[in-house]
């Protein structure tokens, strides 16, 4: 199954037809629309046209939960999220949006692992501050939002 959402400006996300998914899970779509809008606004990425694709593991590299590809000149990006729990998809969404926020910084193959670690920590910190996010165990193994 593949679900595609597009957000730009005022974050009016829309479903884009996909050959992999003639029908979209409307519950996941609605939830993801709302969370994408929240995080795009919080990270001040409203000027970007961002497509979010919920996909199966065959559409991603092995052992990945998602990825992002962007075109800085046209301010467009596509985020692929593994179809999983809402908590896992939201964490991956925020993680990939943090990558987009840092897109202008210089990168080398030697700094990739350091960037991944920093992006994961920033995503966990942002999610820990969000009262609407589901409680979960972060990448560092800590429970966040314990109520």
N, C-alpha and C. Protein backbone atom coordinates (compact mmCIF):
# COMPACT_ATOMS: atom_id res chain seq x y z
N UNK A 1 0.84 -1.17 0.00
CA UNK A 1 0.00 0.00 0.00
C UNK A 1 0.88 1.23 0.00
N UNK A 2 0.49 2.24 -0.77
CA UNK A 2 1.23 3.50 -0.78
C UNK A 2 0.22 4.64 -0.73
N UNK A 3 0.38 5.54 0.21
CA UNK A 3 -0.47 6.70 0.39
C UNK A 3 0.40 7.92 0.19
N UNK A 4 -0.04 8.86 -0.63
CA UNK A 4 0.77 10.03 -0.93
C UNK A 4 0.00 11.28 -0.52
N UNK A 5 0.66 12.17 0.22
CA UNK A 5 0.08 13.45 0.63
C UNK A 5 0.99 14.57 0.17
N UNK A 6 0.42 15.72 -0.16
CA UNK A 6 1.21 16.87 -0.56
C UNK A 6 0.83 18.04 0.33
N UNK A 7 1.83 18.77 0.83
CA UNK A 7 1.56 19.94 1.65
C UNK A 7 2.39 21.11 1.15
N UNK A 8 1.79 22.29 1.09
CA UNK A 8 2.52 23.51 0.73
C UNK A 8 1.79 24.70 1.31
N UNK A 9 2.55 25.71 1.68
CA UNK A 9 1.95 26.96 2.14
C UNK A 9 1.14 26.77 3.39
N UNK A 10 -0.17 26.97 3.29
CA UNK A 10 -1.05 26.88 4.45
C UNK A 10 -1.28 25.43 4.87
N UNK A 11 -0.52 24.54 4.30
CA UNK A 11 -0.55 23.13 4.63
C UNK A 11 -1.89 22.50 4.29
N UNK A 12 -2.36 22.74 3.10
CA UNK A 12 -3.55 22.07 2.60
C UNK A 12 -3.09 20.78 1.94
N UNK A 13 -2.92 19.74 2.75
CA UNK A 13 -2.44 18.47 2.22
C UNK A 13 -3.51 17.83 1.36
N UNK A 14 -3.08 17.19 0.30
CA UNK A 14 -4.02 16.49 -0.57
C UNK A 14 -3.44 15.14 -0.94
N UNK A 15 -4.32 14.19 -1.23
CA UNK A 15 -3.88 12.87 -1.63
C UNK A 15 -3.54 12.91 -3.11
N UNK A 16 -2.40 12.39 -3.45
CA UNK A 16 -1.97 12.27 -4.84
C UNK A 16 -2.09 10.80 -5.22
N UNK A 17 -2.80 10.49 -6.32
CA UNK A 17 -2.97 9.08 -6.70
C UNK A 17 -1.62 8.37 -6.89
N UNK A 18 -1.57 7.15 -6.49
CA UNK A 18 -0.36 6.35 -6.60
C UNK A 18 -0.70 5.03 -7.27
N UNK A 19 0.18 4.55 -8.13
CA UNK A 19 -0.07 3.28 -8.79
C UNK A 19 -0.04 2.12 -7.81
N UNK A 20 0.63 2.30 -6.68
CA UNK A 20 0.74 1.23 -5.69
C UNK A 20 -0.47 1.14 -4.77
N UNK A 21 -1.28 2.18 -4.73
CA UNK A 21 -2.39 2.20 -3.78
C UNK A 21 -3.62 2.86 -4.40
N UNK A 22 -4.49 2.08 -5.03
CA UNK A 22 -5.69 2.67 -5.60
C UNK A 22 -6.63 3.21 -4.53
N UNK A 23 -6.56 2.67 -3.31
CA UNK A 23 -7.39 3.16 -2.22
C UNK A 23 -6.49 3.47 -1.03
N UNK A 24 -6.75 4.59 -0.39
CA UNK A 24 -5.94 5.01 0.75
C UNK A 24 -6.69 4.75 2.04
N UNK A 25 -5.95 4.44 3.09
CA UNK A 25 -6.51 4.30 4.43
C UNK A 25 -6.85 5.69 4.93
N UNK A 26 -8.13 6.04 4.98
CA UNK A 26 -8.53 7.41 5.29
C UNK A 26 -8.20 7.81 6.73
N UNK A 27 -8.20 6.86 7.64
CA UNK A 27 -7.83 7.18 9.03
C UNK A 27 -6.37 7.60 9.10
N UNK A 28 -5.50 6.82 8.49
CA UNK A 28 -4.07 7.16 8.46
C UNK A 28 -3.86 8.46 7.71
N UNK A 29 -4.55 8.62 6.59
CA UNK A 29 -4.43 9.83 5.79
C UNK A 29 -4.80 11.06 6.59
N UNK A 30 -5.92 11.02 7.27
CA UNK A 30 -6.39 12.17 8.05
C UNK A 30 -5.41 12.50 9.18
N UNK A 31 -4.98 11.48 9.90
CA UNK A 31 -4.05 11.69 10.99
C UNK A 31 -2.73 12.27 10.47
N UNK A 32 -2.21 11.70 9.38
CA UNK A 32 -0.95 12.15 8.83
C UNK A 32 -1.05 13.56 8.26
N UNK A 33 -2.19 13.90 7.65
CA UNK A 33 -2.42 15.27 7.18
C UNK A 33 -2.24 16.26 8.33
N UNK A 34 -2.88 15.98 9.45
CA UNK A 34 -2.83 16.88 10.59
C UNK A 34 -1.43 16.99 11.18
N UNK A 35 -0.78 15.85 11.35
CA UNK A 35 0.56 15.89 11.96
C UNK A 35 1.58 16.53 11.02
N UNK A 36 1.45 16.30 9.71
CA UNK A 36 2.35 16.95 8.75
C UNK A 36 2.21 18.46 8.84
N UNK A 37 0.99 18.94 8.91
CA UNK A 37 0.75 20.39 9.01
C UNK A 37 1.36 20.96 10.28
N UNK A 38 1.19 20.25 11.39
CA UNK A 38 1.74 20.71 12.67
C UNK A 38 3.26 20.83 12.57
N UNK A 39 3.92 19.78 12.12
CA UNK A 39 5.37 19.78 12.10
C UNK A 39 5.95 20.68 11.03
N UNK A 40 5.29 20.79 9.89
CA UNK A 40 5.77 21.70 8.84
C UNK A 40 5.74 23.14 9.35
N UNK A 41 4.69 23.50 10.07
CA UNK A 41 4.59 24.85 10.62
C UNK A 41 5.62 25.06 11.74
N UNK A 42 5.75 24.11 12.63
CA UNK A 42 6.69 24.25 13.75
C UNK A 42 8.13 24.42 13.27
N UNK A 43 8.46 23.74 12.19
CA UNK A 43 9.82 23.82 11.67
C UNK A 43 9.97 24.90 10.61
N UNK A 44 8.92 25.72 10.45
CA UNK A 44 8.96 26.86 9.51
C UNK A 44 9.30 26.41 8.09
N UNK A 45 8.67 25.33 7.65
CA UNK A 45 8.90 24.79 6.32
C UNK A 45 7.69 25.00 5.41
N UNK A 46 6.86 26.00 5.71
CA UNK A 46 5.63 26.23 4.94
C UNK A 46 5.88 26.59 3.49
N UNK A 47 7.06 27.12 3.17
CA UNK A 47 7.35 27.50 1.79
C UNK A 47 7.72 26.29 0.92
N UNK A 48 7.85 25.14 1.52
CA UNK A 48 8.19 23.92 0.80
C UNK A 48 6.93 23.16 0.40
N UNK A 49 6.94 22.59 -0.80
CA UNK A 49 5.91 21.63 -1.22
C UNK A 49 6.46 20.25 -0.85
N UNK A 50 5.82 19.64 0.13
CA UNK A 50 6.32 18.37 0.66
C UNK A 50 5.30 17.28 0.40
N UNK A 51 5.73 16.22 -0.26
CA UNK A 51 4.88 15.06 -0.49
C UNK A 51 5.27 14.00 0.53
N UNK A 52 4.28 13.40 1.14
CA UNK A 52 4.52 12.32 2.10
C UNK A 52 3.90 11.05 1.52
N UNK A 53 4.73 10.03 1.42
CA UNK A 53 4.30 8.75 0.86
C UNK A 53 4.40 7.68 1.93
N UNK A 54 3.29 7.06 2.27
CA UNK A 54 3.30 5.92 3.18
C UNK A 54 3.43 4.68 2.30
N UNK A 55 4.49 3.92 2.53
CA UNK A 55 4.78 2.80 1.63
C UNK A 55 5.13 1.53 2.40
N UNK A 56 5.25 0.47 1.64
CA UNK A 56 5.67 -0.81 2.21
C UNK A 56 7.18 -0.91 2.21
N UNK A 57 7.71 -1.89 2.91
CA UNK A 57 9.16 -2.03 3.04
C UNK A 57 9.85 -2.25 1.70
N UNK A 58 9.17 -2.81 0.71
CA UNK A 58 9.80 -3.03 -0.60
C UNK A 58 10.14 -1.72 -1.30
N UNK A 59 9.52 -0.61 -0.87
CA UNK A 59 9.77 0.69 -1.48
C UNK A 59 10.91 1.45 -0.81
N UNK A 60 11.50 0.88 0.24
CA UNK A 60 12.59 1.51 0.99
C UNK A 60 13.80 0.60 1.01
N UNK A 61 14.95 1.18 1.31
CA UNK A 61 16.14 0.36 1.50
C UNK A 61 15.95 -0.51 2.73
N UNK A 62 16.59 -1.67 2.77
CA UNK A 62 16.45 -2.55 3.94
C UNK A 62 16.81 -1.83 5.24
N UNK A 63 16.08 -2.14 6.29
CA UNK A 63 16.34 -1.62 7.64
C UNK A 63 16.17 -0.11 7.76
N UNK A 64 15.33 0.48 6.90
CA UNK A 64 15.03 1.91 7.05
C UNK A 64 13.54 2.09 7.30
N UNK A 65 13.22 3.14 8.03
CA UNK A 65 11.84 3.47 8.35
C UNK A 65 11.31 4.58 7.46
N UNK A 66 12.21 5.22 6.71
CA UNK A 66 11.79 6.30 5.82
C UNK A 66 13.00 6.95 5.18
N UNK A 67 12.71 7.90 4.29
CA UNK A 67 13.78 8.69 3.68
C UNK A 67 13.20 9.98 3.13
N UNK A 68 14.06 10.87 2.72
CA UNK A 68 13.64 12.14 2.14
C UNK A 68 14.57 12.48 0.98
N UNK A 69 13.98 13.03 -0.07
CA UNK A 69 14.73 13.56 -1.21
C UNK A 69 14.17 14.96 -1.46
N UNK A 70 15.07 15.94 -1.67
CA UNK A 70 14.59 17.30 -1.86
C UNK A 70 15.28 17.98 -3.03
N UNK A 71 14.62 19.03 -3.51
CA UNK A 71 15.15 19.92 -4.54
C UNK A 71 15.12 21.31 -3.93
N UNK A 72 16.26 21.78 -3.44
CA UNK A 72 16.32 23.05 -2.72
C UNK A 72 15.95 24.23 -3.62
N UNK A 73 16.32 24.18 -4.88
CA UNK A 73 16.02 25.28 -5.79
C UNK A 73 14.51 25.47 -5.98
N UNK A 74 13.79 24.36 -6.13
CA UNK A 74 12.34 24.43 -6.33
C UNK A 74 11.55 24.31 -5.03
N UNK A 75 12.27 24.09 -3.92
CA UNK A 75 11.66 23.93 -2.60
C UNK A 75 10.57 22.84 -2.62
N UNK A 76 10.97 21.68 -3.15
CA UNK A 76 10.09 20.52 -3.15
C UNK A 76 10.80 19.37 -2.46
N UNK A 77 10.03 18.51 -1.83
CA UNK A 77 10.60 17.34 -1.15
C UNK A 77 9.59 16.21 -1.16
N UNK A 78 10.11 15.01 -1.13
CA UNK A 78 9.26 13.83 -0.97
C UNK A 78 9.81 13.01 0.19
N UNK A 79 8.91 12.68 1.12
CA UNK A 79 9.26 11.87 2.28
C UNK A 79 8.53 10.54 2.14
N UNK A 80 9.28 9.46 2.26
CA UNK A 80 8.68 8.12 2.26
C UNK A 80 8.72 7.59 3.68
N UNK A 81 7.56 7.12 4.16
CA UNK A 81 7.44 6.57 5.50
C UNK A 81 7.00 5.12 5.41
N UNK A 82 7.63 4.26 6.17
CA UNK A 82 7.21 2.87 6.24
C UNK A 82 5.83 2.80 6.89
N UNK A 83 4.93 2.07 6.28
CA UNK A 83 3.59 1.88 6.82
C UNK A 83 3.70 1.09 8.12
N UNK A 84 3.52 1.79 9.24
CA UNK A 84 3.69 1.17 10.55
C UNK A 84 2.77 1.88 11.54
N UNK A 85 3.10 1.82 12.81
CA UNK A 85 2.27 2.49 13.81
C UNK A 85 2.32 4.01 13.62
N UNK A 86 1.31 4.69 14.11
CA UNK A 86 1.30 6.15 13.98
C UNK A 86 2.48 6.76 14.72
N UNK A 87 2.84 6.21 15.87
CA UNK A 87 3.98 6.74 16.63
C UNK A 87 5.27 6.62 15.82
N UNK A 88 5.47 5.48 15.19
CA UNK A 88 6.69 5.28 14.39
C UNK A 88 6.68 6.18 13.15
N UNK A 89 5.53 6.32 12.52
CA UNK A 89 5.46 7.18 11.34
C UNK A 89 5.68 8.64 11.71
N UNK A 90 5.14 9.09 12.84
CA UNK A 90 5.35 10.47 13.24
C UNK A 90 6.81 10.72 13.58
N UNK A 91 7.44 9.80 14.29
CA UNK A 91 8.85 9.98 14.61
C UNK A 91 9.69 10.06 13.33
N UNK A 92 9.39 9.19 12.38
CA UNK A 92 10.13 9.20 11.11
C UNK A 92 9.84 10.48 10.34
N UNK A 93 8.59 10.93 10.34
CA UNK A 93 8.23 12.18 9.66
C UNK A 93 9.04 13.35 10.23
N UNK A 94 9.07 13.48 11.55
CA UNK A 94 9.82 14.57 12.19
C UNK A 94 11.31 14.42 11.89
N UNK A 95 11.82 13.21 11.97
CA UNK A 95 13.24 12.96 11.67
C UNK A 95 13.57 13.45 10.26
N UNK A 96 12.75 13.11 9.28
CA UNK A 96 13.03 13.50 7.90
C UNK A 96 12.85 15.01 7.70
N UNK A 97 11.91 15.62 8.39
CA UNK A 97 11.74 17.08 8.30
C UNK A 97 12.93 17.81 8.91
N UNK A 98 13.52 17.25 9.95
CA UNK A 98 14.74 17.86 10.52
C UNK A 98 15.86 17.78 9.49
N UNK A 99 15.97 16.68 8.78
CA UNK A 99 16.96 16.60 7.69
C UNK A 99 16.73 17.74 6.69
N UNK A 100 15.47 17.99 6.35
CA UNK A 100 15.16 19.05 5.39
C UNK A 100 15.56 20.41 5.95
N UNK A 101 15.31 20.63 7.22
CA UNK A 101 15.69 21.89 7.87
C UNK A 101 17.21 22.11 7.80
N UNK A 102 17.95 21.03 7.85
CA UNK A 102 19.42 21.10 7.84
C UNK A 102 20.00 20.95 6.43
N UNK A 103 19.16 20.95 5.42
CA UNK A 103 19.60 20.67 4.04
C UNK A 103 20.67 21.63 3.54
N UNK A 104 20.65 22.87 3.99
CA UNK A 104 21.61 23.86 3.49
C UNK A 104 23.01 23.69 4.09
N UNK A 105 23.13 22.91 5.15
CA UNK A 105 24.44 22.73 5.78
C UNK A 105 25.33 21.81 4.94
N UNK A 106 26.64 22.05 4.95
CA UNK A 106 27.53 21.18 4.18
C UNK A 106 27.56 19.77 4.76
N UNK A 107 27.67 18.79 3.85
CA UNK A 107 27.69 17.39 4.27
C UNK A 107 28.80 16.66 3.52
N UNK A 108 29.35 15.65 4.19
CA UNK A 108 30.31 14.76 3.54
C UNK A 108 29.96 13.34 3.97
N UNK A 109 30.51 12.37 3.29
CA UNK A 109 30.30 10.98 3.70
C UNK A 109 30.80 10.75 5.13
N UNK A 110 31.84 11.49 5.50
CA UNK A 110 32.41 11.35 6.83
C UNK A 110 31.53 11.90 7.94
N UNK A 111 30.61 12.81 7.62
CA UNK A 111 29.75 13.41 8.64
C UNK A 111 28.35 12.79 8.66
N UNK A 112 28.07 11.87 7.75
CA UNK A 112 26.72 11.31 7.63
C UNK A 112 26.22 10.64 8.92
N UNK A 113 27.06 9.83 9.54
CA UNK A 113 26.64 9.14 10.78
C UNK A 113 26.42 10.14 11.92
N UNK A 114 27.28 11.15 12.00
CA UNK A 114 27.11 12.18 13.03
C UNK A 114 25.80 12.94 12.80
N UNK A 115 25.51 13.24 11.53
CA UNK A 115 24.26 13.94 11.22
C UNK A 115 23.05 13.08 11.60
N UNK A 116 23.08 11.79 11.27
CA UNK A 116 21.96 10.90 11.60
C UNK A 116 21.71 10.87 13.11
N UNK A 117 22.79 10.80 13.87
CA UNK A 117 22.67 10.76 15.33
C UNK A 117 22.08 12.07 15.84
N UNK A 118 22.58 13.20 15.35
CA UNK A 118 22.07 14.51 15.78
C UNK A 118 20.62 14.69 15.37
N UNK A 119 20.26 14.30 14.16
CA UNK A 119 18.88 14.43 13.68
C UNK A 119 17.95 13.57 14.53
N UNK A 120 18.36 12.35 14.86
CA UNK A 120 17.54 11.48 15.71
C UNK A 120 17.33 12.10 17.08
N UNK A 121 18.37 12.68 17.66
CA UNK A 121 18.24 13.32 18.98
C UNK A 121 17.33 14.53 18.91
N UNK A 122 17.45 15.34 17.85
CA UNK A 122 16.57 16.51 17.70
C UNK A 122 15.12 16.08 17.50
N UNK A 123 14.88 15.07 16.69
CA UNK A 123 13.52 14.58 16.48
C UNK A 123 12.92 14.09 17.79
N UNK A 124 13.70 13.32 18.55
CA UNK A 124 13.22 12.83 19.85
C UNK A 124 12.90 13.99 20.79
N UNK A 125 13.76 15.01 20.81
CA UNK A 125 13.54 16.16 21.68
C UNK A 125 12.28 16.91 21.28
N UNK A 126 12.08 17.12 19.99
CA UNK A 126 10.87 17.81 19.52
C UNK A 126 9.62 17.03 19.88
N UNK A 127 9.65 15.73 19.65
CA UNK A 127 8.49 14.90 19.96
C UNK A 127 8.21 14.84 21.46
N UNK A 128 9.26 14.86 22.27
CA UNK A 128 9.08 14.83 23.72
C UNK A 128 8.37 16.08 24.23
N UNK A 129 8.50 17.18 23.52
CA UNK A 129 7.86 18.43 23.92
C UNK A 129 6.43 18.57 23.40
N UNK A 130 6.00 17.64 22.55
CA UNK A 130 4.69 17.74 21.91
C UNK A 130 3.64 16.97 22.70
N UNK A 131 2.67 17.67 23.29
CA UNK A 131 1.65 16.98 24.07
C UNK A 131 0.70 16.13 23.23
N UNK A 132 0.67 16.35 21.91
CA UNK A 132 -0.24 15.59 21.05
C UNK A 132 0.38 14.30 20.54
N UNK A 133 1.68 14.15 20.66
CA UNK A 133 2.34 12.93 20.20
C UNK A 133 2.08 11.80 21.18
N UNK A 134 2.03 10.60 20.65
CA UNK A 134 1.83 9.43 21.50
C UNK A 134 3.08 9.16 22.32
N UNK A 135 2.92 8.74 23.59
CA UNK A 135 4.11 8.35 24.36
C UNK A 135 4.81 7.20 23.66
N UNK A 136 6.12 7.20 23.67
CA UNK A 136 6.87 6.14 23.01
C UNK A 136 8.28 6.09 23.57
N UNK A 137 8.97 5.05 23.23
CA UNK A 137 10.37 4.93 23.58
C UNK A 137 11.17 5.59 22.47
N UNK A 138 12.08 6.49 22.83
CA UNK A 138 12.88 7.22 21.84
C UNK A 138 14.03 6.34 21.38
N UNK A 139 14.77 6.84 20.40
CA UNK A 139 15.91 6.09 19.88
C UNK A 139 16.97 5.86 20.95
N UNK A 140 16.99 6.70 21.98
CA UNK A 140 17.96 6.51 23.07
C UNK A 140 17.41 5.59 24.16
N UNK A 141 16.19 5.07 23.95
CA UNK A 141 15.62 4.10 24.88
C UNK A 141 14.85 4.72 26.03
N UNK A 142 14.64 6.04 26.00
CA UNK A 142 13.93 6.70 27.09
C UNK A 142 12.46 6.87 26.75
N UNK A 143 11.59 6.64 27.73
CA UNK A 143 10.17 6.89 27.52
C UNK A 143 9.94 8.37 27.59
N UNK A 144 9.26 8.91 26.58
CA UNK A 144 8.98 10.33 26.59
C UNK A 144 7.49 10.53 26.83
N UNK A 145 7.15 11.72 27.30
CA UNK A 145 5.77 12.07 27.64
C UNK A 145 5.15 11.14 28.65
N UNK A 146 5.89 10.69 29.67
CA UNK A 146 5.23 9.84 30.67
C UNK A 146 4.20 10.66 31.43
N UNK A 147 2.99 10.20 31.48
CA UNK A 147 1.91 10.94 32.15
C UNK A 147 1.55 10.26 33.45
